C-alpha atoms as a PDB file:
ATOM      1  CA  MET A   1     154.647 107.894 126.517  1.00  0.00           C
ATOM      2  CA  LYS A   2     156.125 104.745 125.172  1.00  0.00           C
ATOM      3  CA  GLY A   3     159.008 103.687 122.965  1.00  0.00           C
ATOM      4  CA  SER A   4     160.730 100.450 122.073  1.00  0.00           C
ATOM      5  CA  SER A   5     162.776  98.569 124.676  1.00  0.00           C
ATOM      6  CA  THR A   6     164.905  95.513 125.070  1.00  0.00           C
ATOM      7  CA  GLY A   7     165.293  93.227 128.017  1.00  0.00           C
ATOM      8  CA  SER A   8     163.327  93.879 131.154  1.00  0.00           C
ATOM      9  CA  GLU A   9     163.834  97.663 131.298  1.00  0.00           C
ATOM     10  CA  PRO A  10     160.372  99.183 131.881  1.00  0.00           C
ATOM     11  CA  LEU A  11     159.228 102.083 129.753  1.00  0.00           C
ATOM     12  CA  ASP A  12     156.887 103.809 132.172  1.00  0.00           C
ATOM     13  CA  ALA A  13     157.215 105.325 135.620  1.00  0.00           C
ATOM     14  CA  GLU A  14     155.119 102.710 137.391  1.00  0.00           C
ATOM     15  CA  PRO A  15     155.076 104.247 140.898  1.00  0.00           C
ATOM     16  CA  VAL A  16     153.995 107.664 139.642  1.00  0.00           C
ATOM     17  CA  GLN A  17     151.399 106.342 137.214  1.00  0.00           C
ATOM     18  CA  ALA A  18     150.031 103.966 139.857  1.00  0.00           C
ATOM     19  CA  ALA A  19     149.579 106.880 142.258  1.00  0.00           C
ATOM     20  CA  ILE A  20     147.792 108.944 139.610  1.00  0.00           C
ATOM     21  CA  HIS A  21     145.485 106.074 138.648  1.00  0.00           C
ATOM     22  CA  ALA A  22     144.751 105.329 142.307  1.00  0.00           C
ATOM     23  CA  SER A  23     143.666 108.908 142.915  1.00  0.00           C
ATOM     24  CA  ARG A  24     141.577 108.883 139.743  1.00  0.00           C
ATOM     25  CA  ALA A  25     139.676 105.886 141.054  1.00  0.00           C
ATOM     26  CA  GLU A  26     138.462 108.033 143.958  1.00  0.00           C
ATOM     27  CA  THR A  27     137.141 110.931 141.895  1.00  0.00           C
ATOM     28  CA  THR A  28     133.839 111.148 140.055  1.00  0.00           C
ATOM     29  CA  ASP A  29     133.567 110.753 136.312  1.00  0.00           C
ATOM     30  CA  ALA A  30     132.390 114.344 135.993  1.00  0.00           C
ATOM     31  CA  HIS A  31     134.540 116.394 138.373  1.00  0.00           C
ATOM     32  CA  VAL A  32     138.292 116.791 138.713  1.00  0.00           C
ATOM     33  CA  ILE A  33     138.335 119.814 141.042  1.00  0.00           C
ATOM     34  CA  VAL A  34     135.802 120.506 143.795  1.00  0.00           C
ATOM     35  CA  THR A  35     136.188 123.268 146.386  1.00  0.00           C
ATOM     36  CA  ALA A  36     133.889 124.385 149.191  1.00  0.00           C
ATOM     37  CA  GLY A  37     134.468 127.574 151.167  1.00  0.00           C
ATOM     38  CA  LEU A  38     138.149 127.575 150.210  1.00  0.00           C
ATOM     39  CA  THR A  39     139.825 130.442 152.043  1.00  0.00           C
ATOM     40  CA  LYS A  40     143.347 131.771 152.522  1.00  0.00           C
ATOM     41  CA  VAL A  41     144.172 134.496 155.018  1.00  0.00           C
ATOM     42  CA  TYR A  42     147.806 135.589 155.204  1.00  0.00           C
ATOM     43  CA  GLY A  43     149.585 137.202 158.126  1.00  0.00           C
ATOM     44  CA  GLY A  44     148.219 140.586 159.062  1.00  0.00           C
ATOM     45  CA  GLY A  45     144.686 139.504 158.259  1.00  0.00           C
ATOM     46  CA  VAL A  46     144.999 139.857 154.486  1.00  0.00           C
ATOM     47  CA  THR A  47     142.346 137.664 152.855  1.00  0.00           C
ATOM     48  CA  ALA A  48     143.674 136.474 149.498  1.00  0.00           C
ATOM     49  CA  VAL A  49     140.852 134.015 148.746  1.00  0.00           C
ATOM     50  CA  ASP A  50     137.480 134.277 150.448  1.00  0.00           C
ATOM     51  CA  GLY A  51     135.116 131.281 150.527  1.00  0.00           C
ATOM     52  CA  LEU A  52     135.699 129.967 147.013  1.00  0.00           C
ATOM     53  CA  ASP A  53     133.229 127.352 145.715  1.00  0.00           C
ATOM     54  CA  LEU A  54     134.233 125.738 142.413  1.00  0.00           C
ATOM     55  CA  VAL A  55     133.566 122.593 140.418  1.00  0.00           C
ATOM     56  CA  VAL A  56     135.748 121.890 137.376  1.00  0.00           C
ATOM     57  CA  GLY A  57     134.671 119.151 134.996  1.00  0.00           C
ATOM     58  CA  LYS A  58     136.884 116.452 133.560  1.00  0.00           C
ATOM     59  CA  GLY A  59     138.269 117.433 130.153  1.00  0.00           C
ATOM     60  CA  GLU A  60     137.320 121.095 130.631  1.00  0.00           C
ATOM     61  CA  ILE A  61     139.397 124.215 130.116  1.00  0.00           C
ATOM     62  CA  PHE A  62     138.408 126.406 133.053  1.00  0.00           C
ATOM     63  CA  ALA A  63     139.645 129.987 133.396  1.00  0.00           C
ATOM     64  CA  LEU A  64     140.045 132.098 136.510  1.00  0.00           C
ATOM     65  CA  LEU A  65     139.797 135.648 135.176  1.00  0.00           C
ATOM     66  CA  GLY A  66     140.703 138.718 137.176  1.00  0.00           C
ATOM     67  CA  PRO A  67     143.252 141.491 137.703  1.00  0.00           C
ATOM     68  CA  ASN A  68     146.540 141.138 139.547  1.00  0.00           C
ATOM     69  CA  GLY A  69     145.816 140.607 143.235  1.00  0.00           C
ATOM     70  CA  ALA A  70     142.450 138.940 142.623  1.00  0.00           C
ATOM     71  CA  GLY A  71     143.546 135.731 144.358  1.00  0.00           C
ATOM     72  CA  LYS A  72     144.091 133.602 141.247  1.00  0.00           C
ATOM     73  CA  THR A  73     147.673 132.553 141.995  1.00  0.00           C
ATOM     74  CA  THR A  74     146.840 131.788 145.624  1.00  0.00           C
ATOM     75  CA  THR A  75     143.948 129.626 144.439  1.00  0.00           C
ATOM     76  CA  VAL A  76     146.274 127.632 142.191  1.00  0.00           C
ATOM     77  CA  GLY A  77     148.731 127.375 145.074  1.00  0.00           C
ATOM     78  CA  MET A  78     146.094 125.798 147.309  1.00  0.00           C
ATOM     79  CA  LEU A  79     144.828 123.440 144.602  1.00  0.00           C
ATOM     80  CA  THR A  80     148.358 122.193 143.919  1.00  0.00           C
ATOM     81  CA  SER A  81     149.116 121.801 147.667  1.00  0.00           C
ATOM     82  CA  ARG A  82     151.840 124.473 147.670  1.00  0.00           C
ATOM     83  CA  VAL A  83     149.739 126.824 149.826  1.00  0.00           C
ATOM     84  CA  VAL A  84     147.883 125.535 152.895  1.00  0.00           C
ATOM     85  CA  PRO A  85     144.272 126.777 153.078  1.00  0.00           C
ATOM     86  CA  THR A  86     143.101 128.639 156.163  1.00  0.00           C
ATOM     87  CA  ALA A  87     139.607 127.178 155.870  1.00  0.00           C
ATOM     88  CA  GLY A  88     137.394 125.186 153.540  1.00  0.00           C
ATOM     89  CA  THR A  89     138.098 122.063 151.524  1.00  0.00           C
ATOM     90  CA  ALA A  90     139.495 121.237 148.097  1.00  0.00           C
ATOM     91  CA  LEU A  91     139.551 117.920 146.276  1.00  0.00           C
ATOM     92  CA  VAL A  92     141.770 117.535 143.220  1.00  0.00           C
ATOM     93  CA  ASN A  93     141.294 114.286 141.342  1.00  0.00           C
ATOM     94  CA  GLY A  94     139.419 113.013 144.375  1.00  0.00           C
ATOM     95  CA  VAL A  95     142.270 113.767 146.781  1.00  0.00           C
ATOM     96  CA  ASP A  96     142.083 116.238 149.674  1.00  0.00           C
ATOM     97  CA  VAL A  97     144.835 118.830 149.177  1.00  0.00           C
ATOM     98  CA  VAL A  98     145.403 119.171 152.932  1.00  0.00           C
ATOM     99  CA  LYS A  99     145.142 115.536 154.010  1.00  0.00           C
ATOM    100  CA  ASP A 100     147.218 114.036 151.190  1.00  0.00           C
ATOM    101  CA  PRO A 101     149.320 116.764 149.519  1.00  0.00           C
ATOM    102  CA  ALA A 102     151.945 114.301 148.252  1.00  0.00           C
ATOM    103  CA  LEU A 103     149.380 112.420 146.183  1.00  0.00           C
ATOM    104  CA  VAL A 104     148.027 115.702 144.803  1.00  0.00           C
ATOM    105  CA  LYS A 105     151.514 116.724 143.680  1.00  0.00           C
ATOM    106  CA  VAL A 106     152.001 113.615 141.535  1.00  0.00           C
ATOM    107  CA  ALA A 107     148.526 113.941 140.004  1.00  0.00           C
ATOM    108  CA  VAL A 108     148.924 117.509 138.712  1.00  0.00           C
ATOM    109  CA  GLY A 109     151.143 119.385 136.308  1.00  0.00           C
ATOM    110  CA  VAL A 110     151.964 123.021 137.070  1.00  0.00           C
ATOM    111  CA  VAL A 111     153.226 125.813 134.827  1.00  0.00           C
ATOM    112  CA  SER A 112     154.039 128.781 137.062  1.00  0.00           C
ATOM    113  CA  GLN A 113     154.637 132.381 136.032  1.00  0.00           C
ATOM    114  CA  PRO A 114     158.432 132.472 136.559  1.00  0.00           C
ATOM    115  CA  ASN A 115     160.769 130.382 134.407  1.00  0.00           C
ATOM    116  CA  THR A 116     161.630 127.356 136.562  1.00  0.00           C
ATOM    117  CA  LEU A 117     163.647 125.469 133.923  1.00  0.00           C
ATOM    118  CA  ASP A 118     167.297 124.558 134.511  1.00  0.00           C
ATOM    119  CA  ARG A 119     169.134 127.197 132.482  1.00  0.00           C
ATOM    120  CA  ARG A 120     172.353 125.146 132.492  1.00  0.00           C
ATOM    121  CA  LEU A 121     170.712 122.395 130.436  1.00  0.00           C
ATOM    122  CA  THR A 122     169.350 122.091 126.918  1.00  0.00           C
ATOM    123  CA  VAL A 123     165.666 121.773 126.090  1.00  0.00           C
ATOM    124  CA  TRP A 124     165.989 117.999 125.614  1.00  0.00           C
ATOM    125  CA  GLU A 125     167.974 117.583 128.830  1.00  0.00           C
ATOM    126  CA  ASN A 126     165.337 119.429 130.859  1.00  0.00           C
ATOM    127  CA  LEU A 127     162.681 117.016 129.630  1.00  0.00           C
ATOM    128  CA  TYR A 128     164.881 113.935 129.977  1.00  0.00           C
ATOM    129  CA  PHE A 129     165.952 114.633 133.554  1.00  0.00           C
ATOM    130  CA  HIS A 130     162.394 115.537 134.532  1.00  0.00           C
ATOM    131  CA  ALA A 131     161.321 112.118 133.267  1.00  0.00           C
ATOM    132  CA  ARG A 132     164.076 110.470 135.301  1.00  0.00           C
ATOM    133  CA  TYR A 133     162.903 112.409 138.370  1.00  0.00           C
ATOM    134  CA  PHE A 134     159.430 110.943 137.846  1.00  0.00           C
ATOM    135  CA  GLY A 135     160.811 107.412 137.826  1.00  0.00           C
ATOM    136  CA  PHE A 136     161.259 106.743 134.117  1.00  0.00           C
ATOM    137  CA  ARG A 137     164.158 104.434 133.277  1.00  0.00           C
ATOM    138  CA  ASN A 138     166.837 105.735 130.895  1.00  0.00           C
ATOM    139  CA  ARG A 139     165.374 104.445 127.656  1.00  0.00           C
ATOM    140  CA  ALA A 140     161.822 105.411 128.571  1.00  0.00           C
ATOM    141  CA  ALA A 141     162.965 108.902 129.592  1.00  0.00           C
ATOM    142  CA  ARG A 142     164.728 109.375 126.254  1.00  0.00           C
ATOM    143  CA  ALA A 143     161.643 108.268 124.357  1.00  0.00           C
ATOM    144  CA  ALA A 144     159.406 110.546 126.433  1.00  0.00           C
ATOM    145  CA  ALA A 145     161.664 113.565 125.850  1.00  0.00           C
ATOM    146  CA  ASP A 146     161.718 112.899 122.097  1.00  0.00           C
ATOM    147  CA  ASP A 147     157.929 112.553 121.962  1.00  0.00           C
ATOM    148  CA  LEU A 148     157.406 115.789 123.874  1.00  0.00           C
ATOM    149  CA  LEU A 149     159.748 117.704 121.572  1.00  0.00           C
ATOM    150  CA  GLU A 150     157.561 116.719 118.633  1.00  0.00           C
ATOM    151  CA  LYS A 151     154.242 117.249 120.369  1.00  0.00           C
ATOM    152  CA  PHE A 152     155.096 120.747 121.582  1.00  0.00           C
ATOM    153  CA  ARG A 153     156.902 121.830 118.368  1.00  0.00           C
ATOM    154  CA  LEU A 154     160.304 122.003 120.048  1.00  0.00           C
ATOM    155  CA  ALA A 155     162.293 119.478 117.996  1.00  0.00           C
ATOM    156  CA  ALA A 156     164.275 122.181 116.192  1.00  0.00           C
ATOM    157  CA  ARG A 157     165.377 123.563 119.589  1.00  0.00           C
ATOM    158  CA  ALA A 158     166.247 120.238 121.231  1.00  0.00           C
ATOM    159  CA  LYS A 159     169.930 121.100 121.679  1.00  0.00           C
ATOM    160  CA  ALA A 160     169.387 124.776 122.490  1.00  0.00           C
ATOM    161  CA  SER A 161     170.315 126.023 125.939  1.00  0.00           C
ATOM    162  CA  ILE A 162     167.357 127.232 127.989  1.00  0.00           C
ATOM    163  CA  SER A 163     169.176 130.535 128.522  1.00  0.00           C
ATOM    164  CA  THR A 164     168.933 131.283 124.775  1.00  0.00           C
ATOM    165  CA  LEU A 165     165.177 130.763 124.448  1.00  0.00           C
ATOM    166  CA  SER A 166     162.549 133.452 124.034  1.00  0.00           C
ATOM    167  CA  GLY A 167     159.846 133.737 126.657  1.00  0.00           C
ATOM    168  CA  GLY A 168     157.345 131.964 124.423  1.00  0.00           C
ATOM    169  CA  LEU A 169     159.609 128.989 123.742  1.00  0.00           C
ATOM    170  CA  ALA A 170     160.584 128.691 127.407  1.00  0.00           C
ATOM    171  CA  LYS A 171     156.913 128.634 128.377  1.00  0.00           C
ATOM    172  CA  ARG A 172     156.322 125.879 125.821  1.00  0.00           C
ATOM    173  CA  VAL A 173     159.129 123.795 127.366  1.00  0.00           C
ATOM    174  CA  MET A 174     157.581 124.315 130.817  1.00  0.00           C
ATOM    175  CA  LEU A 175     154.230 123.135 129.461  1.00  0.00           C
ATOM    176  CA  ALA A 176     155.837 120.049 127.899  1.00  0.00           C
ATOM    177  CA  ARG A 177     157.570 119.279 131.181  1.00  0.00           C
ATOM    178  CA  ALA A 178     154.328 119.635 133.145  1.00  0.00           C
ATOM    179  CA  PHE A 179     152.525 117.350 130.693  1.00  0.00           C
ATOM    180  CA  LEU A 180     155.207 114.633 130.827  1.00  0.00           C
ATOM    181  CA  PRO A 181     153.567 112.358 133.461  1.00  0.00           C
ATOM    182  CA  ARG A 182     150.153 112.823 131.806  1.00  0.00           C
ATOM    183  CA  PRO A 183     148.652 114.569 134.842  1.00  0.00           C
ATOM    184  CA  ALA A 184     144.988 114.441 135.767  1.00  0.00           C
ATOM    185  CA  VAL A 185     144.886 118.244 135.535  1.00  0.00           C
ATOM    186  CA  LEU A 186     147.214 120.945 134.241  1.00  0.00           C
ATOM    187  CA  PHE A 187     147.415 124.212 136.193  1.00  0.00           C
ATOM    188  CA  LEU A 188     148.666 127.183 134.180  1.00  0.00           C
ATOM    189  CA  ASP A 189     149.270 130.435 136.065  1.00  0.00           C
ATOM    190  CA  GLU A 190     149.129 133.391 133.640  1.00  0.00           C
ATOM    191  CA  PRO A 191     150.622 131.216 130.855  1.00  0.00           C
ATOM    192  CA  THR A 192     150.902 133.964 128.234  1.00  0.00           C
ATOM    193  CA  ALA A 193     151.718 136.974 130.429  1.00  0.00           C
ATOM    194  CA  GLY A 194     154.487 138.986 128.804  1.00  0.00           C
ATOM    195  CA  LEU A 195     154.503 136.972 125.569  1.00  0.00           C
ATOM    196  CA  ASP A 196     154.351 138.534 122.118  1.00  0.00           C
ATOM    197  CA  PRO A 197     151.160 137.953 120.071  1.00  0.00           C
ATOM    198  CA  GLN A 198     152.723 135.255 117.883  1.00  0.00           C
ATOM    199  CA  SER A 199     153.961 133.254 120.882  1.00  0.00           C
ATOM    200  CA  ARG A 200     150.595 133.655 122.570  1.00  0.00           C
ATOM    201  CA  LEU A 201     148.747 132.284 119.538  1.00  0.00           C
ATOM    202  CA  ALA A 202     151.163 129.336 119.286  1.00  0.00           C
ATOM    203  CA  LEU A 203     150.553 128.432 122.925  1.00  0.00           C
ATOM    204  CA  TRP A 204     146.786 128.780 122.505  1.00  0.00           C
ATOM    205  CA  GLU A 205     146.922 126.350 119.588  1.00  0.00           C
ATOM    206  CA  ILE A 206     148.780 123.751 121.655  1.00  0.00           C
ATOM    207  CA  LEU A 207     146.367 124.149 124.573  1.00  0.00           C
ATOM    208  CA  GLY A 208     143.478 123.632 122.162  1.00  0.00           C
ATOM    209  CA  GLU A 209     145.059 120.379 120.994  1.00  0.00           C
ATOM    210  CA  LEU A 210     145.518 119.172 124.577  1.00  0.00           C
ATOM    211  CA  HIS A 211     141.873 119.963 125.269  1.00  0.00           C
ATOM    212  CA  ALA A 212     140.827 117.995 122.175  1.00  0.00           C
ATOM    213  CA  GLU A 213     142.723 115.017 123.628  1.00  0.00           C
ATOM    214  CA  GLY A 214     140.684 115.264 126.840  1.00  0.00           C
ATOM    215  CA  GLU A 215     143.161 117.052 129.112  1.00  0.00           C
ATOM    216  CA  THR A 216     141.685 119.010 132.020  1.00  0.00           C
ATOM    217  CA  ILE A 217     143.200 122.490 132.232  1.00  0.00           C
ATOM    218  CA  LEU A 218     142.730 125.237 134.799  1.00  0.00           C
ATOM    219  CA  LEU A 219     144.355 128.502 133.788  1.00  0.00           C
ATOM    220  CA  THR A 220     144.523 131.903 135.406  1.00  0.00           C
ATOM    221  CA  THR A 221     144.624 134.997 133.257  1.00  0.00           C
ATOM    222  CA  HIS A 222     143.953 138.714 133.187  1.00  0.00           C
ATOM    223  CA  TYR A 223     143.566 138.622 129.396  1.00  0.00           C
ATOM    224  CA  MET A 224     139.861 138.503 128.627  1.00  0.00           C
ATOM    225  CA  GLU A 225     140.505 137.412 125.025  1.00  0.00           C
ATOM    226  CA  GLU A 226     142.452 134.407 126.321  1.00  0.00           C
ATOM    227  CA  ALA A 227     139.577 133.298 128.532  1.00  0.00           C
ATOM    228  CA  GLU A 228     137.034 133.852 125.755  1.00  0.00           C
ATOM    229  CA  ARG A 229     139.044 131.903 123.200  1.00  0.00           C
ATOM    230  CA  LEU A 230     140.114 128.921 125.318  1.00  0.00           C
ATOM    231  CA  ALA A 231     137.729 128.322 128.197  1.00  0.00           C
ATOM    232  CA  GLN A 232     134.446 126.447 128.290  1.00  0.00           C
ATOM    233  CA  ARG A 233     133.643 128.193 131.569  1.00  0.00           C
ATOM    234  CA  VAL A 234     135.029 131.286 133.238  1.00  0.00           C
ATOM    235  CA  ALA A 235     135.100 132.314 136.884  1.00  0.00           C
ATOM    236  CA  ILE A 236     135.526 136.060 137.397  1.00  0.00           C
ATOM    237  CA  MET A 237     137.446 136.895 140.583  1.00  0.00           C
ATOM    238  CA  ASP A 238     138.274 140.144 142.322  1.00  0.00           C
ATOM    239  CA  ARG A 239     139.735 140.767 145.791  1.00  0.00           C
ATOM    240  CA  GLY A 240     139.616 137.066 146.580  1.00  0.00           C
ATOM    241  CA  ARG A 241     135.928 136.630 145.845  1.00  0.00           C
ATOM    242  CA  LEU A 242     134.086 134.827 143.084  1.00  0.00           C
ATOM    243  CA  LEU A 243     131.859 137.365 141.331  1.00  0.00           C
ATOM    244  CA  ALA A 244     130.455 135.287 138.483  1.00  0.00           C
ATOM    245  CA  LEU A 245     130.849 131.839 136.928  1.00  0.00           C
ATOM    246  CA  ASP A 246     129.424 130.646 133.622  1.00  0.00           C
ATOM    247  CA  THR A 247     130.232 130.097 129.975  1.00  0.00           C
ATOM    248  CA  PRO A 248     131.691 133.146 128.194  1.00  0.00           C
ATOM    249  CA  GLU A 249     128.542 133.440 126.087  1.00  0.00           C
ATOM    250  CA  ARG A 250     126.183 133.417 129.059  1.00  0.00           C
ATOM    251  CA  LEU A 251     128.328 135.907 130.935  1.00  0.00           C
ATOM    252  CA  ARG A 252     128.173 138.277 127.971  1.00  0.00           C
ATOM    253  CA  ARG A 253     124.419 137.816 127.681  1.00  0.00           C
ATOM    254  CA  SER A 254     124.043 138.716 131.363  1.00  0.00           C
ATOM    255  CA  LEU A 255     124.502 142.360 130.379  1.00  0.00           C
ATOM    256  CA  ALA A 256     120.917 142.596 129.125  1.00  0.00           C
ATOM    257  CA  THR A 257     121.341 144.441 125.786  1.00  0.00           C
ATOM    258  CA  GLY A 258     124.817 142.981 125.398  1.00  0.00           C
ATOM    259  CA  ALA A 259     126.170 146.483 124.882  1.00  0.00           C
ATOM    260  CA  MET A 260     128.088 149.109 126.785  1.00  0.00           C
ATOM    261  CA  LEU A 261     128.292 152.804 126.044  1.00  0.00           C
ATOM    262  CA  VAL A 262     131.722 154.354 126.588  1.00  0.00           C
ATOM    263  CA  LEU A 263     131.682 158.110 127.108  1.00  0.00           C
ATOM    264  CA  LYS A 264     134.851 160.175 127.386  1.00  0.00           C
ATOM    265  CA  ALA A 265     134.381 163.719 128.574  1.00  0.00           C
ATOM    266  CA  GLU A 266     136.079 166.556 130.414  1.00  0.00           C
ATOM    267  CA  GLY A 267     134.458 167.527 133.694  1.00  0.00           C
ATOM    268  CA  ASP A 268     132.936 165.978 136.804  1.00  0.00           C
ATOM    269  CA  LEU A 269     132.547 162.346 135.708  1.00  0.00           C
ATOM    270  CA  ASP A 270     131.538 161.159 139.173  1.00  0.00           C
ATOM    271  CA  ARG A 271     128.553 163.503 139.219  1.00  0.00           C
ATOM    272  CA  LEU A 272     127.700 162.526 135.652  1.00  0.00           C
ATOM    273  CA  ALA A 273     127.785 158.833 136.611  1.00  0.00           C
ATOM    274  CA  HIS A 274     125.286 159.531 139.394  1.00  0.00           C
ATOM    275  CA  ARG A 275     122.941 161.355 137.007  1.00  0.00           C
ATOM    276  CA  VAL A 276     123.240 158.806 134.198  1.00  0.00           C
ATOM    277  CA  SER A 277     122.595 155.890 136.577  1.00  0.00           C
ATOM    278  CA  ALA A 278     119.104 157.294 137.171  1.00  0.00           C
ATOM    279  CA  ILE A 279     118.147 157.011 133.485  1.00  0.00           C
ATOM    280  CA  GLY A 280     115.560 154.281 132.928  1.00  0.00           C
ATOM    281  CA  GLY A 281     117.438 152.497 130.132  1.00  0.00           C
ATOM    282  CA  VAL A 282     120.694 152.309 132.114  1.00  0.00           C
ATOM    283  CA  ILE A 283     121.621 149.399 134.370  1.00  0.00           C
ATOM    284  CA  GLU A 284     124.603 151.218 135.842  1.00  0.00           C
ATOM    285  CA  ALA A 285     127.221 153.835 135.031  1.00  0.00           C
ATOM    286  CA  THR A 286     130.716 153.561 136.457  1.00  0.00           C
ATOM    287  CA  ARG A 287     133.786 155.710 136.082  1.00  0.00           C
ATOM    288  CA  ALA A 288     136.910 154.055 134.671  1.00  0.00           C
ATOM    289  CA  GLY A 289     139.736 156.582 134.481  1.00  0.00           C
ATOM    290  CA  ASP A 290     138.800 159.357 132.065  1.00  0.00           C
ATOM    291  CA  ALA A 291     135.751 157.490 130.789  1.00  0.00           C
ATOM    292  CA  LEU A 292     132.247 156.639 131.886  1.00  0.00           C
ATOM    293  CA  ARG A 293     131.201 153.052 131.110  1.00  0.00           C
ATOM    294  CA  ILE A 294     127.440 152.727 130.892  1.00  0.00           C
ATOM    295  CA  THR A 295     125.760 149.314 130.865  1.00  0.00           C
ATOM    296  CA  LEU A 296     122.570 149.565 128.827  1.00  0.00           C
ATOM    297  CA  LYS A 297     119.260 147.867 129.536  1.00  0.00           C
ATOM    298  CA  ASP A 298     117.418 149.480 126.663  1.00  0.00           C
ATOM    299  CA  MET A 299     118.868 151.161 123.575  1.00  0.00           C
ATOM    300  CA  ASP A 300     115.751 153.081 122.521  1.00  0.00           C
ATOM    301  CA  GLY A 301     116.236 156.727 123.431  1.00  0.00           C
ATOM    302  CA  THR A 302     118.837 155.935 126.095  1.00  0.00           C
ATOM    303  CA  VAL A 303     121.841 157.296 124.196  1.00  0.00           C
ATOM    304  CA  ALA A 304     120.000 160.554 123.526  1.00  0.00           C
ATOM    305  CA  GLU A 305     119.178 160.875 127.231  1.00  0.00           C
ATOM    306  CA  VAL A 306     122.812 160.272 128.179  1.00  0.00           C
ATOM    307  CA  LEU A 307     123.933 163.006 125.796  1.00  0.00           C
ATOM    308  CA  ALA A 308     121.284 165.387 127.136  1.00  0.00           C
ATOM    309  CA  VAL A 309     122.415 164.849 130.742  1.00  0.00           C
ATOM    310  CA  THR A 310     126.050 165.307 129.721  1.00  0.00           C
ATOM    311  CA  LYS A 311     125.161 168.652 128.149  1.00  0.00           C
ATOM    312  CA  GLN A 312     123.125 169.713 131.194  1.00  0.00           C
ATOM    313  CA  GLU A 313     126.114 169.015 133.463  1.00  0.00           C
ATOM    314  CA  GLY A 314     128.322 171.194 131.285  1.00  0.00           C
ATOM    315  CA  LEU A 315     130.858 168.499 130.385  1.00  0.00           C
ATOM    316  CA  PHE A 316     132.931 168.721 127.220  1.00  0.00           C
ATOM    317  CA  LEU A 317     132.349 165.497 125.257  1.00  0.00           C
ATOM    318  CA  HIS A 318     135.466 163.984 123.672  1.00  0.00           C
ATOM    319  CA  SER A 319     134.042 160.733 122.320  1.00  0.00           C
ATOM    320  CA  LEU A 320     131.117 158.345 122.524  1.00  0.00           C
ATOM    321  CA  SER A 321     131.259 154.718 121.384  1.00  0.00           C
ATOM    322  CA  LEU A 322     129.195 151.573 121.661  1.00  0.00           C
ATOM    323  CA  GLU A 323     130.929 148.294 122.551  1.00  0.00           C
ATOM    324  CA  GLU A 324     129.609 144.768 122.265  1.00  0.00           C
ATOM    325  CA  ALA A 325     129.698 142.948 125.553  1.00  0.00           C
ATOM    326  CA  SER A 326     132.905 141.065 126.325  1.00  0.00           C
ATOM    327  CA  LEU A 327     134.208 139.414 129.448  1.00  0.00           C
ATOM    328  CA  GLU A 328     135.968 142.681 130.176  1.00  0.00           C
ATOM    329  CA  THR A 329     132.721 144.640 130.048  1.00  0.00           C
ATOM    330  CA  VAL A 330     131.147 142.006 132.301  1.00  0.00           C
ATOM    331  CA  PHE A 331     134.019 142.478 134.743  1.00  0.00           C
ATOM    332  CA  ILE A 332     133.665 146.256 134.648  1.00  0.00           C
ATOM    333  CA  SER A 333     129.933 145.925 135.208  1.00  0.00           C
ATOM    334  CA  LEU A 334     130.583 143.745 138.271  1.00  0.00           C
ATOM    335  CA  THR A 335     133.421 145.750 139.808  1.00  0.00           C
ATOM    336  CA  GLY A 336     133.340 149.234 138.323  1.00  0.00           C
ATOM    337  CA  LYS A 337     136.977 149.087 137.209  1.00  0.00           C
ATOM    338  CA  GLU A 338     139.118 148.045 134.279  1.00  0.00           C
ATOM    339  CA  LEU A 339     140.213 144.402 134.163  1.00  0.00           C
ATOM    340  CA  ARG A 340     143.895 145.384 133.931  1.00  0.00           C
ATOM    341  CA  GLU A 341     143.863 147.861 136.821  1.00  0.00           C
END
């Protein structure tokens, strides 16, 4: 970001920008992130990420979707060189995260789950001092902070202490700070977790604008509506493994009829799931709490058969509903459990 200057005082952080541009020269035009067999095993033999293969395109919003404990945060940790992989390789902006972690760090922007802002400072001061940390001279840092306040709709809160901000505003400041050096890729770890609906929508709007400007964004989320609204492609993860990867539309279409029958009943749901799974028009039936979620292959006569089997098993039916396929129903179909479990 540039502003006016006098004398010989430079406006940009030349060392940082030079490092970013140098790493960009090594990457392909199409890919910003490439992983092969990326694995992380923690002490005690706990496998957090198991053989992850990913390719993220330049200018893409890419979502890692999965429940808590799926391995999403560990994946971001490895891609930003904060977590050392146990096996496999990862290139970010053409740079190996293990061989040259310092160069990776200056080429990425990271918005983590916890608030990492300096609570003793104002919004403007957080941005200004972050610019100085990245090598901006005084006048350039001031101009950059002012520009970011406008871009991220924070100008009215410039003098507010971080400690007084809502969660949504604090997250917006963190995003502005991460964007300051114009990174090759932004990593957002559960960016809207815990935010109210209005704050979530405001952040989605800003992320959409960054995408329109060509920014590459990798976000992790357990909100299926967030992945569906923002991402061009979605990778579904569970227990450290990649279960599916495609556009949201193609993932939804993978459920054949694009519909799921949700049956809530009182009785032996496990036995009912076994019986219903044998019906010709059913792909699978899985129990999710007090409900049976039935992925349909064929609608004709299938619902009637499900009801007949339910009656034969002596279950008391509470409700029966038909849902259009969503990323959550895709996840349930793949894992047999709710996305938020």
